[in-house]
């Protein structure tokens, strides 16, 4: 091979190697810059997801519903509303809308000035009686905390919960699981 061709080949190879190193360095830098953002988003997920699941379990009488009293449920709603509104601008509008839809199915809000939201559920269900099967002593004063009229179906609750959780996952930067 001619010496000038060897030099040309070496220069082209060195140029390509330099471009590849530069590109890999910029990708690495971008990953390190995004790491704190991802960590914050995962922290937000860890604050929101358990309360959404708590509401879902209580409403559907699945999982650990027997451990959650009606006052705990109202406190969970307040805590979740606060967290979602604090982080609204770091999360997607899709998540905010899906969360709102889920909460509207689970709670009857704006029930009167100074009144708490009412839980859209029944006290006695085919899956269990909250007065008897729960792991706490039932207080008759909790009955008015429920809004048993115009209840959404279990399917509607399931679908809204899954939509909200999927939107939350996408909102923090995790892709859908196939």
C-alpha atoms as a PDB file:
ATOM      1  CA  UNK A   1       0.000   0.000   0.000  1.00  0.00           C
ATOM      2  CA  UNK A   2       1.248   3.458  -0.882  1.00  0.00           C
ATOM      3  CA  UNK A   3       2.540   5.516   2.037  1.00  0.00           C
ATOM      4  CA  UNK A   4       0.171   8.405   1.289  1.00  0.00           C
ATOM      5  CA  UNK A   5      -2.764   5.954   1.391  1.00  0.00           C
ATOM      6  CA  UNK A   6      -1.610   4.622   4.773  1.00  0.00           C
ATOM      7  CA  UNK A   7      -1.426   8.171   6.132  1.00  0.00           C
ATOM      8  CA  UNK A   8      -4.900   8.959   4.739  1.00  0.00           C
ATOM      9  CA  UNK A   9      -6.318   5.755   6.224  1.00  0.00           C
ATOM     10  CA  UNK A  10      -4.721   6.525   9.621  1.00  0.00           C
ATOM     11  CA  UNK A  11      -6.100  10.091   9.586  1.00  0.00           C
ATOM     12  CA  UNK A  12      -9.611   8.921   8.681  1.00  0.00           C
ATOM     13  CA  UNK A  13      -9.510   6.217  11.344  1.00  0.00           C
ATOM     14  CA  UNK A  14      -8.216   8.679  13.968  1.00  0.00           C
ATOM     15  CA  UNK A  15     -10.944  11.164  13.010  1.00  0.00           C
ATOM     16  CA  UNK A  16     -13.678   8.547  13.331  1.00  0.00           C
ATOM     17  CA  UNK A  17     -12.281   7.343  16.662  1.00  0.00           C
ATOM     18  CA  UNK A  18     -12.121  10.932  17.947  1.00  0.00           C
ATOM     19  CA  UNK A  19     -15.721  11.596  16.856  1.00  0.00           C
ATOM     20  CA  UNK A  20     -16.874   8.390  18.552  1.00  0.00           C
ATOM     21  CA  UNK A  21     -15.068   9.265  21.792  1.00  0.00           C
ATOM     22  CA  UNK A  22     -16.539  12.788  21.717  1.00  0.00           C
ATOM     23  CA  UNK A  23     -20.071  11.405  21.183  1.00  0.00           C
ATOM     24  CA  UNK A  24     -19.732   8.812  23.952  1.00  0.00           C
ATOM     25  CA  UNK A  25     -18.441  11.488  26.309  1.00  0.00           C
ATOM     26  CA  UNK A  26     -21.426  13.748  25.582  1.00  0.00           C
ATOM     27  CA  UNK A  27     -23.850  10.842  26.141  1.00  0.00           C
ATOM     28  CA  UNK A  28     -22.154  10.025  29.443  1.00  0.00           C
ATOM     29  CA  UNK A  29     -22.342  13.670  30.525  1.00  0.00           C
ATOM     30  CA  UNK A  30     -26.067  13.816  29.646  1.00  0.00           C
ATOM     31  CA  UNK A  31     -26.730  10.641  31.636  1.00  0.00           C
ATOM     32  CA  UNK A  32     -24.952  12.054  34.694  1.00  0.00           C
ATOM     33  CA  UNK A  33     -26.925  15.306  34.404  1.00  0.00           C
ATOM     34  CA  UNK A  34     -30.248  13.420  34.201  1.00  0.00           C
ATOM     35  CA  UNK A  35     -29.459  11.135  37.133  1.00  0.00           C
ATOM     36  CA  UNK A  36     -30.534  13.657  39.851  1.00  0.00           C
ATOM     37  CA  UNK A  37     -33.743  14.413  37.938  1.00  0.00           C
ATOM     38  CA  UNK A  38     -34.572  10.704  37.707  1.00  0.00           C
ATOM     39  CA  UNK A  39     -33.782  10.278  41.406  1.00  0.00           C
ATOM     40  CA  UNK A  40     -36.188  13.121  42.287  1.00  0.00           C
ATOM     41  CA  UNK A  41     -38.891  11.653  40.076  1.00  0.00           C
ATOM     42  CA  UNK A  42     -38.480   8.259  41.740  1.00  0.00           C
ATOM     43  CA  UNK A  43     -38.756   9.974  45.131  1.00  0.00           C
ATOM     44  CA  UNK A  44     -42.022  11.574  43.987  1.00  0.00           C
ATOM     45  CA  UNK A  45     -43.245   8.163  42.805  1.00  0.00           C
ATOM     46  CA  UNK A  46     -42.399   6.710  46.219  1.00  0.00           C
ATOM     47  CA  UNK A  47     -44.502   9.409  47.866  1.00  0.00           C
ATOM     48  CA  UNK A  48     -47.534   9.196  45.568  1.00  0.00           C
ATOM     49  CA  UNK A  49     -47.860   5.536  44.529  1.00  0.00           C
ATOM     50  CA  UNK A  50     -48.380   4.024  48.021  1.00  0.00           C
ATOM     51  CA  UNK A  51     -51.234   6.419  48.807  1.00  0.00           C
ATOM     52  CA  UNK A  52     -52.905   5.746  45.458  1.00  0.00           C
ATOM     53  CA  UNK A  53     -52.649   2.032  46.167  1.00  0.00           C
ATOM     54  CA  UNK A  54     -54.033   2.565  49.681  1.00  0.00           C
ATOM     55  CA  UNK A  55     -57.112   4.300  48.268  1.00  0.00           C
ATOM     56  CA  UNK A  56     -57.526   1.594  45.632  1.00  0.00           C
ATOM     57  CA  UNK A  57     -57.318  -1.232  48.197  1.00  0.00           C
ATOM     58  CA  UNK A  58     -59.786   0.440  50.562  1.00  0.00           C
ATOM     59  CA  UNK A  59     -62.271   1.204  47.791  1.00  0.00           C
ATOM     60  CA  UNK A  60     -62.089  -2.251  46.168  1.00  0.00           C
ATOM     61  CA  UNK A  61     -61.828  -4.263  49.409  1.00  0.00           C
ATOM     62  CA  UNK A  62     -58.615  -5.933  48.250  1.00  0.00           C
ATOM     63  CA  UNK A  63     -55.151  -6.232  49.729  1.00  0.00           C
ATOM     64  CA  UNK A  64     -54.766  -4.591  53.113  1.00  0.00           C
ATOM     65  CA  UNK A  65     -58.157  -2.810  53.148  1.00  0.00           C
ATOM     66  CA  UNK A  66     -58.923  -4.161  56.619  1.00  0.00           C
ATOM     67  CA  UNK A  67     -56.098  -2.040  58.079  1.00  0.00           C
ATOM     68  CA  UNK A  68     -57.425   1.262  56.712  1.00  0.00           C
ATOM     69  CA  UNK A  69     -60.146   3.049  58.674  1.00  0.00           C
ATOM     70  CA  UNK A  70     -62.404   5.670  57.078  1.00  0.00           C
ATOM     71  CA  UNK A  71     -60.602   8.547  58.882  1.00  0.00           C
ATOM     72  CA  UNK A  72     -57.310   7.104  57.589  1.00  0.00           C
ATOM     73  CA  UNK A  73     -58.790   7.140  54.099  1.00  0.00           C
ATOM     74  CA  UNK A  74     -59.723  10.828  54.325  1.00  0.00           C
ATOM     75  CA  UNK A  75     -56.246  11.620  55.700  1.00  0.00           C
ATOM     76  CA  UNK A  76     -54.712   9.656  52.813  1.00  0.00           C
ATOM     77  CA  UNK A  77     -56.761  11.666  50.309  1.00  0.00           C
ATOM     78  CA  UNK A  78     -55.593  14.938  51.841  1.00  0.00           C
ATOM     79  CA  UNK A  79     -51.951  13.839  51.849  1.00  0.00           C
ATOM     80  CA  UNK A  80     -52.154  12.608  48.261  1.00  0.00           C
ATOM     81  CA  UNK A  81     -53.902  15.775  47.061  1.00  0.00           C
ATOM     82  CA  UNK A  82     -51.159  17.853  48.678  1.00  0.00           C
ATOM     83  CA  UNK A  83     -48.339  15.802  47.113  1.00  0.00           C
ATOM     84  CA  UNK A  84     -49.866  15.769  43.639  1.00  0.00           C
ATOM     85  CA  UNK A  85     -50.517  19.502  43.706  1.00  0.00           C
ATOM     86  CA  UNK A  86     -47.029  20.303  45.031  1.00  0.00           C
ATOM     87  CA  UNK A  87     -45.396  18.270  42.262  1.00  0.00           C
ATOM     88  CA  UNK A  88     -47.958  19.024  39.555  1.00  0.00           C
ATOM     89  CA  UNK A  89     -45.489  21.011  37.480  1.00  0.00           C
ATOM     90  CA  UNK A  90     -42.858  18.269  37.620  1.00  0.00           C
ATOM     91  CA  UNK A  91     -45.328  15.609  36.531  1.00  0.00           C
ATOM     92  CA  UNK A  92     -47.220  15.344  33.264  1.00  0.00           C
ATOM     93  CA  UNK A  93     -50.600  16.883  32.644  1.00  0.00           C
ATOM     94  CA  UNK A  94     -51.777  13.410  31.602  1.00  0.00           C
ATOM     95  CA  UNK A  95     -50.957  12.066  35.064  1.00  0.00           C
ATOM     96  CA  UNK A  96     -52.660  15.014  36.753  1.00  0.00           C
ATOM     97  CA  UNK A  97     -55.831  14.430  34.723  1.00  0.00           C
ATOM     98  CA  UNK A  98     -55.818  10.639  35.269  1.00  0.00           C
ATOM     99  CA  UNK A  99     -55.236  11.131  38.996  1.00  0.00           C
ATOM    100  CA  UNK A 100     -58.133  13.590  39.153  1.00  0.00           C
ATOM    101  CA  UNK A 101     -60.424  11.108  37.376  1.00  0.00           C
ATOM    102  CA  UNK A 102     -59.455   8.330  39.801  1.00  0.00           C
ATOM    103  CA  UNK A 103     -60.047  10.551  42.820  1.00  0.00           C
ATOM    104  CA  UNK A 104     -63.442  11.670  41.474  1.00  0.00           C
ATOM    105  CA  UNK A 105     -64.497   8.032  41.273  1.00  0.00           C
ATOM    106  CA  UNK A 106     -63.304   7.302  44.820  1.00  0.00           C
ATOM    107  CA  UNK A 107     -64.511  10.462  46.586  1.00  0.00           C
ATOM    108  CA  UNK A 108     -67.474  12.811  46.470  1.00  0.00           C
ATOM    109  CA  UNK A 109     -65.955  16.260  46.923  1.00  0.00           C
ATOM    110  CA  UNK A 110     -67.363  19.711  47.654  1.00  0.00           C
ATOM    111  CA  UNK A 111     -70.040  18.315  49.955  1.00  0.00           C
ATOM    112  CA  UNK A 112     -70.482  21.567  51.840  1.00  0.00           C
ATOM    113  CA  UNK A 113     -68.521  24.393  53.331  1.00  0.00           C
ATOM    114  CA  UNK A 114     -65.967  23.018  55.781  1.00  0.00           C
ATOM    115  CA  UNK A 115     -67.046  19.421  55.088  1.00  0.00           C
ATOM    116  CA  UNK A 116     -64.652  16.605  54.266  1.00  0.00           C
ATOM    117  CA  UNK A 117     -64.927  14.652  51.056  1.00  0.00           C
ATOM    118  CA  UNK A 118     -67.108  11.553  51.273  1.00  0.00           C
ATOM    119  CA  UNK A 119     -65.817   8.113  50.350  1.00  0.00           C
ATOM    120  CA  UNK A 120     -67.650   6.673  47.342  1.00  0.00           C
ATOM    121  CA  UNK A 121     -68.044   3.184  48.766  1.00  0.00           C
ATOM    122  CA  UNK A 122     -70.374   1.082  50.852  1.00  0.00           C
ATOM    123  CA  UNK A 123     -69.842  -0.081  54.392  1.00  0.00           C
ATOM    124  CA  UNK A 124     -71.194  -3.565  53.680  1.00  0.00           C
ATOM    125  CA  UNK A 125     -70.204  -5.351  50.478  1.00  0.00           C
ATOM    126  CA  UNK A 126     -70.214  -8.928  49.172  1.00  0.00           C
ATOM    127  CA  UNK A 127     -66.443  -8.978  49.780  1.00  0.00           C
ATOM    128  CA  UNK A 128     -66.651  -7.850  53.382  1.00  0.00           C
ATOM    129  CA  UNK A 129     -68.343  -5.769  56.033  1.00  0.00           C
ATOM    130  CA  UNK A 130     -66.144  -2.915  57.203  1.00  0.00           C
ATOM    131  CA  UNK A 131     -67.907  -2.914  60.583  1.00  0.00           C
ATOM    132  CA  UNK A 132     -67.097  -6.579  61.251  1.00  0.00           C
ATOM    133  CA  UNK A 133     -64.136  -7.700  59.141  1.00  0.00           C
ATOM    134  CA  UNK A 134     -61.791  -4.752  59.562  1.00  0.00           C
ATOM    135  CA  UNK A 135     -58.817  -4.894  61.898  1.00  0.00           C
ATOM    136  CA  UNK A 136     -60.040  -1.950  63.967  1.00  0.00           C
ATOM    137  CA  UNK A 137     -63.072  -1.237  66.109  1.00  0.00           C
ATOM    138  CA  UNK A 138     -65.840   0.297  64.042  1.00  0.00           C
ATOM    139  CA  UNK A 139     -67.188   3.678  65.122  1.00  0.00           C
ATOM    140  CA  UNK A 140     -70.796   4.368  64.101  1.00  0.00           C
ATOM    141  CA  UNK A 141     -69.821   8.031  63.638  1.00  0.00           C
ATOM    142  CA  UNK A 142     -67.941   6.931  60.493  1.00  0.00           C
ATOM    143  CA  UNK A 143     -71.115   5.974  58.587  1.00  0.00           C
ATOM    144  CA  UNK A 144     -71.667   9.565  57.311  1.00  0.00           C
ATOM    145  CA  UNK A 145     -68.144   9.527  55.831  1.00  0.00           C
ATOM    146  CA  UNK A 146     -69.478   7.333  53.022  1.00  0.00           C
ATOM    147  CA  UNK A 147     -71.388   8.405  49.901  1.00  0.00           C
ATOM    148  CA  UNK A 148     -73.008   5.128  48.817  1.00  0.00           C
ATOM    149  CA  UNK A 149     -75.138   6.710  46.065  1.00  0.00           C
ATOM    150  CA  UNK A 150     -74.118   6.643  42.399  1.00  0.00           C
ATOM    151  CA  UNK A 151     -71.140   4.380  42.979  1.00  0.00           C
ATOM    152  CA  UNK A 152     -68.783   3.658  40.114  1.00  0.00           C
ATOM    153  CA  UNK A 153     -68.372   0.048  39.105  1.00  0.00           C
ATOM    154  CA  UNK A 154     -65.372  -1.993  40.203  1.00  0.00           C
ATOM    155  CA  UNK A 155     -64.285  -2.034  36.570  1.00  0.00           C
ATOM    156  CA  UNK A 156     -64.313   1.781  36.461  1.00  0.00           C
ATOM    157  CA  UNK A 157     -62.207   1.946  39.630  1.00  0.00           C
ATOM    158  CA  UNK A 158     -59.765  -0.675  38.287  1.00  0.00           C
ATOM    159  CA  UNK A 159     -59.437   1.081  34.941  1.00  0.00           C
ATOM    160  CA  UNK A 160     -59.001   4.564  36.440  1.00  0.00           C
ATOM    161  CA  UNK A 161     -56.392   3.294  38.902  1.00  0.00           C
ATOM    162  CA  UNK A 162     -54.390   1.554  36.169  1.00  0.00           C
ATOM    163  CA  UNK A 163     -54.611   4.611  33.902  1.00  0.00           C
ATOM    164  CA  UNK A 164     -53.398   6.901  36.702  1.00  0.00           C
ATOM    165  CA  UNK A 165     -50.539   4.598  37.701  1.00  0.00           C
ATOM    166  CA  UNK A 166     -49.438   4.119  34.088  1.00  0.00           C
ATOM    167  CA  UNK A 167     -49.519   7.893  33.569  1.00  0.00           C
ATOM    168  CA  UNK A 168     -47.468   8.356  36.757  1.00  0.00           C
ATOM    169  CA  UNK A 169     -44.896   5.846  35.523  1.00  0.00           C
ATOM    170  CA  UNK A 170     -44.612   7.606  32.158  1.00  0.00           C
ATOM    171  CA  UNK A 171     -44.511  10.975  33.885  1.00  0.00           C
ATOM    172  CA  UNK A 172     -41.400  10.103  35.856  1.00  0.00           C
ATOM    173  CA  UNK A 173     -39.660   8.865  32.721  1.00  0.00           C
ATOM    174  CA  UNK A 174     -40.209   5.119  32.826  1.00  0.00           C
ATOM    175  CA  UNK A 175     -41.505   3.521  29.673  1.00  0.00           C
ATOM    176  CA  UNK A 176     -44.468   1.183  29.468  1.00  0.00           C
ATOM    177  CA  UNK A 177     -43.783  -2.457  30.212  1.00  0.00           C
ATOM    178  CA  UNK A 178     -44.660  -4.698  27.283  1.00  0.00           C
END
